[in-house]
Amino acid sequence: LLQLPFLLDLFKECKKLGIHTTIDSSGGCYSTAPLFQ
């Protein structure tokens, strides 16, 4: 989750191929800041 823009582009491409997507996270960088949300 420290690299959300990268994750977004990657998962968009995965979904074009019908690939199941999973994130393994501790939630350690979770924030209520507007941009992060």
PDB file of all heavy atoms in Angstrom:
ATOM      1  N   LEU A   1       0.810  -1.217   0.000  1.00  0.00           N
ATOM      2  CA  LEU A   1       0.000   0.000   0.000  1.00  0.00           C
ATOM      3  C   LEU A   1       0.847   1.272   0.000  1.00  0.00           C
ATOM      4  O   LEU A   1       0.316   2.378  -0.157  1.00  0.00           O
ATOM      5  CB  LEU A   1      -0.957   0.013   1.200  1.00  0.00           C
ATOM      6  CG  LEU A   1      -1.959  -1.142   1.272  1.00  0.00           C
ATOM      7  CD1 LEU A   1      -2.945  -0.922   2.406  1.00  0.00           C
ATOM      8  CD2 LEU A   1      -2.696  -1.325  -0.045  1.00  0.00           C
ATOM      9  N   LEU A   2       2.150   1.138   0.145  1.00  0.00           N
ATOM     10  CA  LEU A   2       3.045   2.291  -0.007  1.00  0.00           C
ATOM     11  C   LEU A   2       3.203   2.687  -1.477  1.00  0.00           C
ATOM     12  O   LEU A   2       3.715   3.767  -1.770  1.00  0.00           O
ATOM     13  CB  LEU A   2       4.425   1.982   0.585  1.00  0.00           C
ATOM     14  CG  LEU A   2       4.520   1.939   2.110  1.00  0.00           C
ATOM     15  CD1 LEU A   2       5.888   1.426   2.547  1.00  0.00           C
ATOM     16  CD2 LEU A   2       4.257   3.319   2.716  1.00  0.00           C
ATOM     17  N   GLN A   3       2.747   1.819  -2.393  1.00  0.00           N
ATOM     18  CA  GLN A   3       2.900   2.079  -3.826  1.00  0.00           C
ATOM     19  C   GLN A   3       1.547   1.947  -4.535  1.00  0.00           C
ATOM     20  O   GLN A   3       1.384   1.161  -5.469  1.00  0.00           O
ATOM     21  CB  GLN A   3       3.928   1.120  -4.431  1.00  0.00           C
ATOM     22  CG  GLN A   3       5.298   1.204  -3.769  1.00  0.00           C
ATOM     23  CD  GLN A   3       6.347   0.362  -4.484  1.00  0.00           C
ATOM     24  OE1 GLN A   3       6.559   0.477  -5.684  1.00  0.00           O
ATOM     25  NE2 GLN A   3       7.020  -0.480  -3.725  1.00  0.00           N
ATOM     26  N   LEU A   4       0.580   2.727  -4.096  1.00  0.00           N
ATOM     27  CA  LEU A   4      -0.780   2.615  -4.613  1.00  0.00           C
ATOM     28  C   LEU A   4      -0.908   2.924  -6.111  1.00  0.00           C
ATOM     29  O   LEU A   4      -1.630   2.205  -6.819  1.00  0.00           O
ATOM     30  CB  LEU A   4      -1.725   3.498  -3.794  1.00  0.00           C
ATOM     31  CG  LEU A   4      -2.060   2.976  -2.390  1.00  0.00           C
ATOM     32  CD1 LEU A   4      -2.804   4.034  -1.588  1.00  0.00           C
ATOM     33  CD2 LEU A   4      -2.878   1.692  -2.471  1.00  0.00           C
ATOM     34  N   PRO A   5      -0.262   3.955  -6.636  1.00  0.00           N
ATOM     35  CA  PRO A   5      -0.378   4.205  -8.086  1.00  0.00           C
ATOM     36  C   PRO A   5       0.123   3.031  -8.928  1.00  0.00           C
ATOM     37  O   PRO A   5      -0.485   2.683  -9.944  1.00  0.00           O
ATOM     38  CB  PRO A   5       0.468   5.464  -8.298  1.00  0.00           C
ATOM     39  CG  PRO A   5       0.436   6.162  -6.969  1.00  0.00           C
ATOM     40  CD  PRO A   5       0.466   5.052  -5.967  1.00  0.00           C
ATOM     41  N   PHE A   6       1.220   2.426  -8.488  1.00  0.00           N
ATOM     42  CA  PHE A   6       1.741   1.247  -9.176  1.00  0.00           C
ATOM     43  C   PHE A   6       0.751   0.091  -9.081  1.00  0.00           C
ATOM     44  O   PHE A   6       0.473  -0.592 -10.071  1.00  0.00           O
ATOM     45  CB  PHE A   6       3.088   0.852  -8.573  1.00  0.00           C
ATOM     46  CG  PHE A   6       3.547  -0.531  -8.954  1.00  0.00           C
ATOM     47  CD1 PHE A   6       4.041  -0.786 -10.225  1.00  0.00           C
ATOM     48  CD2 PHE A   6       3.478  -1.583  -8.040  1.00  0.00           C
ATOM     49  CE1 PHE A   6       4.453  -2.072 -10.581  1.00  0.00           C
ATOM     50  CE2 PHE A   6       3.885  -2.859  -8.392  1.00  0.00           C
ATOM     51  CZ  PHE A   6       4.376  -3.100  -9.669  1.00  0.00           C
ATOM     52  N   LEU A   7       0.208  -0.133  -7.886  1.00  0.00           N
ATOM     53  CA  LEU A   7      -0.774  -1.201  -7.689  1.00  0.00           C
ATOM     54  C   LEU A   7      -1.979  -1.014  -8.601  1.00  0.00           C
ATOM     55  O   LEU A   7      -2.488  -1.976  -9.185  1.00  0.00           O
ATOM     56  CB  LEU A   7      -1.253  -1.208  -6.236  1.00  0.00           C
ATOM     57  CG  LEU A   7      -0.632  -2.179  -5.249  1.00  0.00           C
ATOM     58  CD1 LEU A   7      -1.358  -2.080  -3.911  1.00  0.00           C
ATOM     59  CD2 LEU A   7      -0.653  -3.598  -5.759  1.00  0.00           C
ATOM     60  N   LEU A   8      -2.440   0.209  -8.720  1.00  0.00           N
ATOM     61  CA  LEU A   8      -3.612   0.487  -9.548  1.00  0.00           C
ATOM     62  C   LEU A   8      -3.352   0.115 -10.997  1.00  0.00           C
ATOM     63  O   LEU A   8      -4.167  -0.586 -11.620  1.00  0.00           O
ATOM     64  CB  LEU A   8      -3.991   1.964  -9.431  1.00  0.00           C
ATOM     65  CG  LEU A   8      -5.173   2.406 -10.290  1.00  0.00           C
ATOM     66  CD1 LEU A   8      -6.431   1.651  -9.925  1.00  0.00           C
ATOM     67  CD2 LEU A   8      -5.394   3.921 -10.154  1.00  0.00           C
ATOM     68  N   ASP A   9      -2.241   0.560 -11.533  1.00  0.00           N
ATOM     69  CA  ASP A   9      -1.931   0.245 -12.938  1.00  0.00           C
ATOM     70  C   ASP A   9      -1.759  -1.250 -13.138  1.00  0.00           C
ATOM     71  O   ASP A   9      -2.223  -1.819 -14.130  1.00  0.00           O
ATOM     72  CB  ASP A   9      -0.657   0.976 -13.368  1.00  0.00           C
ATOM     73  CG  ASP A   9      -0.910   2.424 -13.751  1.00  0.00           C
ATOM     74  OD1 ASP A   9      -2.052   2.889 -13.535  1.00  0.00           O
ATOM     75  OD2 ASP A   9       0.012   3.090 -14.248  1.00  0.00           O
ATOM     76  N   LEU A  10      -1.093  -1.908 -12.189  1.00  0.00           N
ATOM     77  CA  LEU A  10      -0.856  -3.347 -12.295  1.00  0.00           C
ATOM     78  C   LEU A  10      -2.171  -4.119 -12.278  1.00  0.00           C
ATOM     79  O   LEU A  10      -2.413  -4.992 -13.117  1.00  0.00           O
ATOM     80  CB  LEU A  10       0.038  -3.810 -11.152  1.00  0.00           C
ATOM     81  CG  LEU A  10       0.277  -5.319 -11.058  1.00  0.00           C
ATOM     82  CD1 LEU A  10       1.066  -5.817 -12.262  1.00  0.00           C
ATOM     83  CD2 LEU A  10       1.003  -5.675  -9.760  1.00  0.00           C
ATOM     84  N   PHE A  11      -3.032  -3.800 -11.318  1.00  0.00           N
ATOM     85  CA  PHE A  11      -4.282  -4.543 -11.183  1.00  0.00           C
ATOM     86  C   PHE A  11      -5.249  -4.266 -12.331  1.00  0.00           C
ATOM     87  O   PHE A  11      -6.025  -5.141 -12.715  1.00  0.00           O
ATOM     88  CB  PHE A  11      -4.932  -4.242  -9.832  1.00  0.00           C
ATOM     89  CG  PHE A  11      -4.337  -5.023  -8.684  1.00  0.00           C
ATOM     90  CD1 PHE A  11      -3.183  -5.776  -8.846  1.00  0.00           C
ATOM     91  CD2 PHE A  11      -4.945  -5.013  -7.431  1.00  0.00           C
ATOM     92  CE1 PHE A  11      -2.630  -6.496  -7.790  1.00  0.00           C
ATOM     93  CE2 PHE A  11      -4.414  -5.742  -6.367  1.00  0.00           C
ATOM     94  CZ  PHE A  11      -3.261  -6.484  -6.557  1.00  0.00           C
ATOM     95  N   LYS A  12      -5.202  -3.076 -12.874  1.00  0.00           N
ATOM     96  CA  LYS A  12      -6.025  -2.786 -14.057  1.00  0.00           C
ATOM     97  C   LYS A  12      -5.637  -3.712 -15.204  1.00  0.00           C
ATOM     98  O   LYS A  12      -6.502  -4.258 -15.908  1.00  0.00           O
ATOM     99  CB  LYS A  12      -5.863  -1.328 -14.483  1.00  0.00           C
ATOM    100  CG  LYS A  12      -6.671  -0.337 -13.680  1.00  0.00           C
ATOM    101  CD  LYS A  12      -6.492   1.069 -14.236  1.00  0.00           C
ATOM    102  CE  LYS A  12      -7.389   2.074 -13.536  1.00  0.00           C
ATOM    103  NZ  LYS A  12      -7.209   3.448 -14.068  1.00  0.00           N
ATOM    104  N   GLU A  13      -4.326  -3.891 -15.396  1.00  0.00           N
ATOM    105  CA  GLU A  13      -3.849  -4.768 -16.464  1.00  0.00           C
ATOM    106  C   GLU A  13      -4.189  -6.229 -16.157  1.00  0.00           C
ATOM    107  O   GLU A  13      -4.529  -6.995 -17.060  1.00  0.00           O
ATOM    108  CB  GLU A  13      -2.334  -4.597 -16.656  1.00  0.00           C
ATOM    109  CG  GLU A  13      -1.926  -3.234 -17.185  1.00  0.00           C
ATOM    110  CD  GLU A  13      -2.614  -2.902 -18.505  1.00  0.00           C
ATOM    111  OE1 GLU A  13      -2.635  -3.764 -19.414  1.00  0.00           O
ATOM    112  OE2 GLU A  13      -3.158  -1.784 -18.620  1.00  0.00           O
ATOM    113  N   CYS A  14      -4.098  -6.605 -14.888  1.00  0.00           N
ATOM    114  CA  CYS A  14      -4.465  -7.971 -14.504  1.00  0.00           C
ATOM    115  C   CYS A  14      -5.929  -8.245 -14.817  1.00  0.00           C
ATOM    116  O   CYS A  14      -6.278  -9.330 -15.317  1.00  0.00           O
ATOM    117  CB  CYS A  14      -4.205  -8.183 -13.013  1.00  0.00           C
ATOM    118  SG  CYS A  14      -2.466  -8.334 -12.562  1.00  0.00           S
ATOM    119  N   LYS A  15      -6.780  -7.283 -14.530  1.00  0.00           N
ATOM    120  CA  LYS A  15      -8.211  -7.486 -14.755  1.00  0.00           C
ATOM    121  C   LYS A  15      -8.548  -7.579 -16.236  1.00  0.00           C
ATOM    122  O   LYS A  15      -9.508  -8.256 -16.626  1.00  0.00           O
ATOM    123  CB  LYS A  15      -9.017  -6.370 -14.076  1.00  0.00           C
ATOM    124  CG  LYS A  15      -9.107  -6.543 -12.572  1.00  0.00           C
ATOM    125  CD  LYS A  15      -9.673  -7.917 -12.256  1.00  0.00           C
ATOM    126  CE  LYS A  15      -9.540  -8.334 -10.834  1.00  0.00           C
ATOM    127  NZ  LYS A  15      -9.865  -9.754 -10.635  1.00  0.00           N
ATOM    128  N   LYS A  16      -7.761  -6.934 -17.079  1.00  0.00           N
ATOM    129  CA  LYS A  16      -7.944  -7.068 -18.521  1.00  0.00           C
ATOM    130  C   LYS A  16      -7.722  -8.511 -18.963  1.00  0.00           C
ATOM    131  O   LYS A  16      -8.309  -8.969 -19.944  1.00  0.00           O
ATOM    132  CB  LYS A  16      -6.985  -6.151 -19.273  1.00  0.00           C
ATOM    133  CG  LYS A  16      -7.315  -4.674 -19.171  1.00  0.00           C
ATOM    134  CD  LYS A  16      -6.285  -3.837 -19.917  1.00  0.00           C
ATOM    135  CE  LYS A  16      -6.553  -2.347 -19.742  1.00  0.00           C
ATOM    136  NZ  LYS A  16      -5.516  -1.525 -20.426  1.00  0.00           N
ATOM    137  N   LEU A  17      -6.891  -9.226 -18.198  1.00  0.00           N
ATOM    138  CA  LEU A  17      -6.582 -10.625 -18.507  1.00  0.00           C
ATOM    139  C   LEU A  17      -7.421 -11.594 -17.669  1.00  0.00           C
ATOM    140  O   LEU A  17      -7.241 -12.805 -17.753  1.00  0.00           O
ATOM    141  CB  LEU A  17      -5.089 -10.895 -18.263  1.00  0.00           C
ATOM    142  CG  LEU A  17      -4.113 -10.092 -19.129  1.00  0.00           C
ATOM    143  CD1 LEU A  17      -2.676 -10.290 -18.642  1.00  0.00           C
ATOM    144  CD2 LEU A  17      -4.228 -10.505 -20.588  1.00  0.00           C
ATOM    145  N   GLY A  18      -8.313 -11.056 -16.847  1.00  0.00           N
ATOM    146  CA  GLY A  18      -9.173 -11.897 -16.018  1.00  0.00           C
ATOM    147  C   GLY A  18      -8.453 -12.562 -14.857  1.00  0.00           C
ATOM    148  O   GLY A  18      -8.853 -13.638 -14.408  1.00  0.00           O
ATOM    149  N   ILE A  19      -7.393 -11.925 -14.352  1.00  0.00           N
ATOM    150  CA  ILE A  19      -6.565 -12.518 -13.298  1.00  0.00           C
ATOM    151  C   ILE A  19      -7.051 -12.096 -11.919  1.00  0.00           C
ATOM    152  O   ILE A  19      -7.296 -10.914 -11.662  1.00  0.00           O
ATOM    153  CB  ILE A  19      -5.084 -12.105 -13.479  1.00  0.00           C
ATOM    154  CG1 ILE A  19      -4.557 -12.597 -14.828  1.00  0.00           C
ATOM    155  CG2 ILE A  19      -4.228 -12.646 -12.339  1.00  0.00           C
ATOM    156  CD1 ILE A  19      -3.179 -12.058 -15.171  1.00  0.00           C
ATOM    157  N   HIS A  20      -7.189 -13.068 -11.018  1.00  0.00           N
ATOM    158  CA  HIS A  20      -7.564 -12.825  -9.628  1.00  0.00           C
ATOM    159  C   HIS A  20      -6.448 -12.043  -8.935  1.00  0.00           C
ATOM    160  O   HIS A  20      -5.266 -12.374  -9.055  1.00  0.00           O
ATOM    161  CB  HIS A  20      -7.787 -14.169  -8.915  1.00  0.00           C
ATOM    162  CG  HIS A  20      -8.232 -14.061  -7.501  1.00  0.00           C
ATOM    163  ND1 HIS A  20      -7.352 -13.867  -6.457  1.00  0.00           N
ATOM    164  CD2 HIS A  20      -9.474 -14.137  -6.935  1.00  0.00           C
ATOM    165  CE1 HIS A  20      -8.023 -13.829  -5.319  1.00  0.00           C
ATOM    166  NE2 HIS A  20      -9.317 -13.998  -5.576  1.00  0.00           N
ATOM    167  N   THR A  21      -6.821 -10.979  -8.196  1.00  0.00           N
ATOM    168  CA  THR A  21      -5.832 -10.085  -7.585  1.00  0.00           C
ATOM    169  C   THR A  21      -5.932 -10.090  -6.070  1.00  0.00           C
ATOM    170  O   THR A  21      -7.029 -10.010  -5.503  1.00  0.00           O
ATOM    171  CB  THR A  21      -6.022  -8.646  -8.092  1.00  0.00           C
ATOM    172  OG1 THR A  21      -7.387  -8.258  -7.883  1.00  0.00           O
ATOM    173  CG2 THR A  21      -5.687  -8.545  -9.575  1.00  0.00           C
ATOM    174  N   THR A  22      -4.779 -10.154  -5.413  1.00  0.00           N
ATOM    175  CA  THR A  22      -4.713 -10.193  -3.951  1.00  0.00           C
ATOM    176  C   THR A  22      -3.629  -9.253  -3.455  1.00  0.00           C
ATOM    177  O   THR A  22      -2.555  -9.158  -4.059  1.00  0.00           O
ATOM    178  CB  THR A  22      -4.411 -11.620  -3.459  1.00  0.00           C
ATOM    179  OG1 THR A  22      -5.499 -12.476  -3.809  1.00  0.00           O
ATOM    180  CG2 THR A  22      -4.212 -11.672  -1.952  1.00  0.00           C
ATOM    181  N   ILE A  23      -3.913  -8.573  -2.354  1.00  0.00           N
ATOM    182  CA  ILE A  23      -2.918  -7.745  -1.664  1.00  0.00           C
ATOM    183  C   ILE A  23      -2.668  -8.353  -0.291  1.00  0.00           C
ATOM    184  O   ILE A  23      -3.607  -8.637   0.452  1.00  0.00           O
ATOM    185  CB  ILE A  23      -3.396  -6.297  -1.483  1.00  0.00           C
ATOM    186  CG1 ILE A  23      -3.633  -5.626  -2.839  1.00  0.00           C
ATOM    187  CG2 ILE A  23      -2.387  -5.487  -0.664  1.00  0.00           C
ATOM    188  CD1 ILE A  23      -4.310  -4.260  -2.739  1.00  0.00           C
ATOM    189  N   ASP A  24      -1.406  -8.556   0.043  1.00  0.00           N
ATOM    190  CA  ASP A  24      -1.018  -9.008   1.380  1.00  0.00           C
ATOM    191  C   ASP A  24      -0.498  -7.787   2.131  1.00  0.00           C
ATOM    192  O   ASP A  24       0.548  -7.242   1.784  1.00  0.00           O
ATOM    193  CB  ASP A  24       0.065 -10.085   1.265  1.00  0.00           C
ATOM    194  CG  ASP A  24       0.513 -10.599   2.625  1.00  0.00           C
ATOM    195  OD1 ASP A  24      -0.097 -10.235   3.645  1.00  0.00           O
ATOM    196  OD2 ASP A  24       1.476 -11.387   2.667  1.00  0.00           O
ATOM    197  N   SER A  25      -1.230  -7.338   3.152  1.00  0.00           N
ATOM    198  CA  SER A  25      -0.914  -6.067   3.812  1.00  0.00           C
ATOM    199  C   SER A  25      -1.044  -6.165   5.321  1.00  0.00           C
ATOM    200  O   SER A  25      -1.905  -6.877   5.846  1.00  0.00           O
ATOM    201  CB  SER A  25      -1.860  -4.974   3.297  1.00  0.00           C
ATOM    202  OG  SER A  25      -1.680  -3.767   4.020  1.00  0.00           O
ATOM    203  N   SER A  26      -0.212  -5.400   6.010  1.00  0.00           N
ATOM    204  CA  SER A  26      -0.349  -5.249   7.453  1.00  0.00           C
ATOM    205  C   SER A  26      -1.228  -4.053   7.789  1.00  0.00           C
ATOM    206  O   SER A  26      -1.594  -3.857   8.953  1.00  0.00           O
ATOM    207  CB  SER A  26       1.027  -5.034   8.096  1.00  0.00           C
ATOM    208  OG  SER A  26       1.534  -3.755   7.742  1.00  0.00           O
ATOM    209  N   GLY A  27      -1.530  -3.226   6.777  1.00  0.00           N
ATOM    210  CA  GLY A  27      -2.260  -1.988   7.036  1.00  0.00           C
ATOM    211  C   GLY A  27      -1.421  -0.946   7.745  1.00  0.00           C
ATOM    212  O   GLY A  27      -1.941   0.060   8.222  1.00  0.00           O
ATOM    213  N   GLY A  28      -0.117  -1.170   7.796  1.00  0.00           N
ATOM    214  CA  GLY A  28       0.769  -0.291   8.559  1.00  0.00           C
ATOM    215  C   GLY A  28       0.859   1.130   8.066  1.00  0.00           C
ATOM    216  O   GLY A  28       1.252   2.020   8.814  1.00  0.00           O
ATOM    217  N   CYS A  29       0.502   1.363   6.801  1.00  0.00           N
ATOM    218  CA  CYS A  29       0.561   2.730   6.276  1.00  0.00           C
ATOM    219  C   CYS A  29      -0.834   3.289   6.011  1.00  0.00           C
ATOM    220  O   CYS A  29      -0.978   4.329   5.355  1.00  0.00           O
ATOM    221  CB  CYS A  29       1.414   2.792   5.015  1.00  0.00           C
ATOM    222  SG  CYS A  29       0.699   1.928   3.592  1.00  0.00           S
ATOM    223  N   TYR A  30      -1.867   2.605   6.514  1.00  0.00           N
ATOM    224  CA  TYR A  30      -3.234   3.074   6.284  1.00  0.00           C
ATOM    225  C   TYR A  30      -3.422   4.476   6.865  1.00  0.00           C
ATOM    226  O   TYR A  30      -2.947   4.783   7.956  1.00  0.00           O
ATOM    227  CB  TYR A  30      -4.244   2.124   6.925  1.00  0.00           C
ATOM    228  CG  TYR A  30      -5.672   2.577   6.760  1.00  0.00           C
ATOM    229  CD1 TYR A  30      -6.298   2.511   5.520  1.00  0.00           C
ATOM    230  CD2 TYR A  30      -6.379   3.107   7.838  1.00  0.00           C
ATOM    231  CE1 TYR A  30      -7.610   2.939   5.362  1.00  0.00           C
ATOM    232  CE2 TYR A  30      -7.698   3.536   7.685  1.00  0.00           C
ATOM    233  CZ  TYR A  30      -8.301   3.454   6.443  1.00  0.00           C
ATOM    234  OH  TYR A  30      -9.599   3.883   6.280  1.00  0.00           O
ATOM    235  N   SER A  31      -4.119   5.310   6.117  1.00  0.00           N
ATOM    236  CA  SER A  31      -4.318   6.698   6.516  1.00  0.00           C
ATOM    237  C   SER A  31      -5.692   7.173   6.068  1.00  0.00           C
ATOM    238  O   SER A  31      -6.228   6.695   5.066  1.00  0.00           O
ATOM    239  CB  SER A  31      -3.229   7.576   5.869  1.00  0.00           C
ATOM    240  OG  SER A  31      -3.521   8.950   6.024  1.00  0.00           O
ATOM    241  N   THR A  32      -6.238   8.109   6.830  1.00  0.00           N
ATOM    242  CA  THR A  32      -7.507   8.728   6.434  1.00  0.00           C
ATOM    243  C   THR A  32      -7.279   9.990   5.620  1.00  0.00           C
ATOM    244  O   THR A  32      -8.239  10.699   5.291  1.00  0.00           O
ATOM    245  CB  THR A  32      -8.349   9.067   7.676  1.00  0.00           C
ATOM    246  OG1 THR A  32      -7.584   9.907   8.557  1.00  0.00           O
ATOM    247  CG2 THR A  32      -8.770   7.801   8.411  1.00  0.00           C
ATOM    248  N   ALA A  33      -6.025  10.283   5.286  1.00  0.00           N
ATOM    249  CA  ALA A  33      -5.729  11.448   4.445  1.00  0.00           C
ATOM    250  C   ALA A  33      -6.473  11.319   3.113  1.00  0.00           C
ATOM    251  O   ALA A  33      -6.532  10.224   2.536  1.00  0.00           O
ATOM    252  CB  ALA A  33      -4.231  11.559   4.204  1.00  0.00           C
ATOM    253  N   PRO A  34      -7.060  12.402   2.606  1.00  0.00           N
ATOM    254  CA  PRO A  34      -7.890  12.338   1.391  1.00  0.00           C
ATOM    255  C   PRO A  34      -7.214  11.680   0.197  1.00  0.00           C
ATOM    256  O   PRO A  34      -7.836  10.871  -0.496  1.00  0.00           O
ATOM    257  CB  PRO A  34      -8.223  13.805   1.118  1.00  0.00           C
ATOM    258  CG  PRO A  34      -8.190  14.459   2.471  1.00  0.00           C
ATOM    259  CD  PRO A  34      -7.087  13.757   3.205  1.00  0.00           C
ATOM    260  N   LEU A  35      -5.949  12.021  -0.058  1.00  0.00           N
ATOM    261  CA  LEU A  35      -5.270  11.455  -1.221  1.00  0.00           C
ATOM    262  C   LEU A  35      -5.094   9.953  -1.074  1.00  0.00           C
ATOM    263  O   LEU A  35      -5.335   9.192  -2.019  1.00  0.00           O
ATOM    264  CB  LEU A  35      -3.905  12.124  -1.435  1.00  0.00           C
ATOM    265  CG  LEU A  35      -3.085  11.580  -2.622  1.00  0.00           C
ATOM    266  CD1 LEU A  35      -3.848  11.727  -3.939  1.00  0.00           C
ATOM    267  CD2 LEU A  35      -1.723  12.274  -2.702  1.00  0.00           C
ATOM    268  N   PHE A  36      -4.687   9.497   0.117  1.00  0.00           N
ATOM    269  CA  PHE A  36      -4.526   8.064   0.348  1.00  0.00           C
ATOM    270  C   PHE A  36      -5.862   7.354   0.179  1.00  0.00           C
ATOM    271  O   PHE A  36      -5.946   6.302  -0.469  1.00  0.00           O
ATOM    272  CB  PHE A  36      -3.961   7.795   1.746  1.00  0.00           C
ATOM    273  CG  PHE A  36      -3.665   6.346   2.018  1.00  0.00           C
ATOM    274  CD1 PHE A  36      -2.422   5.814   1.725  1.00  0.00           C
ATOM    275  CD2 PHE A  36      -4.639   5.506   2.554  1.00  0.00           C
ATOM    276  CE1 PHE A  36      -2.139   4.469   1.956  1.00  0.00           C
ATOM    277  CE2 PHE A  36      -4.378   4.164   2.793  1.00  0.00           C
ATOM    278  CZ  PHE A  36      -3.120   3.647   2.492  1.00  0.00           C
ATOM    279  N   GLN A  37      -6.925   7.912   0.747  1.00  0.00           N
ATOM    280  CA  GLN A  37      -8.245   7.299   0.642  1.00  0.00           C
ATOM    281  C   GLN A  37      -8.707   7.213  -0.814  1.00  0.00           C
ATOM    282  O   GLN A  37      -9.255   6.194  -1.243  1.00  0.00           O
ATOM    283  CB  GLN A  37      -9.256   8.106   1.463  1.00  0.00           C
ATOM    284  CG  GLN A  37      -9.116   7.936   2.964  1.00  0.00           C
ATOM    285  CD  GLN A  37      -9.636   6.591   3.447  1.00  0.00           C
ATOM    286  OE1 GLN A  37     -10.720   6.161   3.084  1.00  0.00           O
ATOM    287  NE2 GLN A  37      -8.852   5.911   4.270  1.00  0.00           N
TER     288      GLN A  37
END
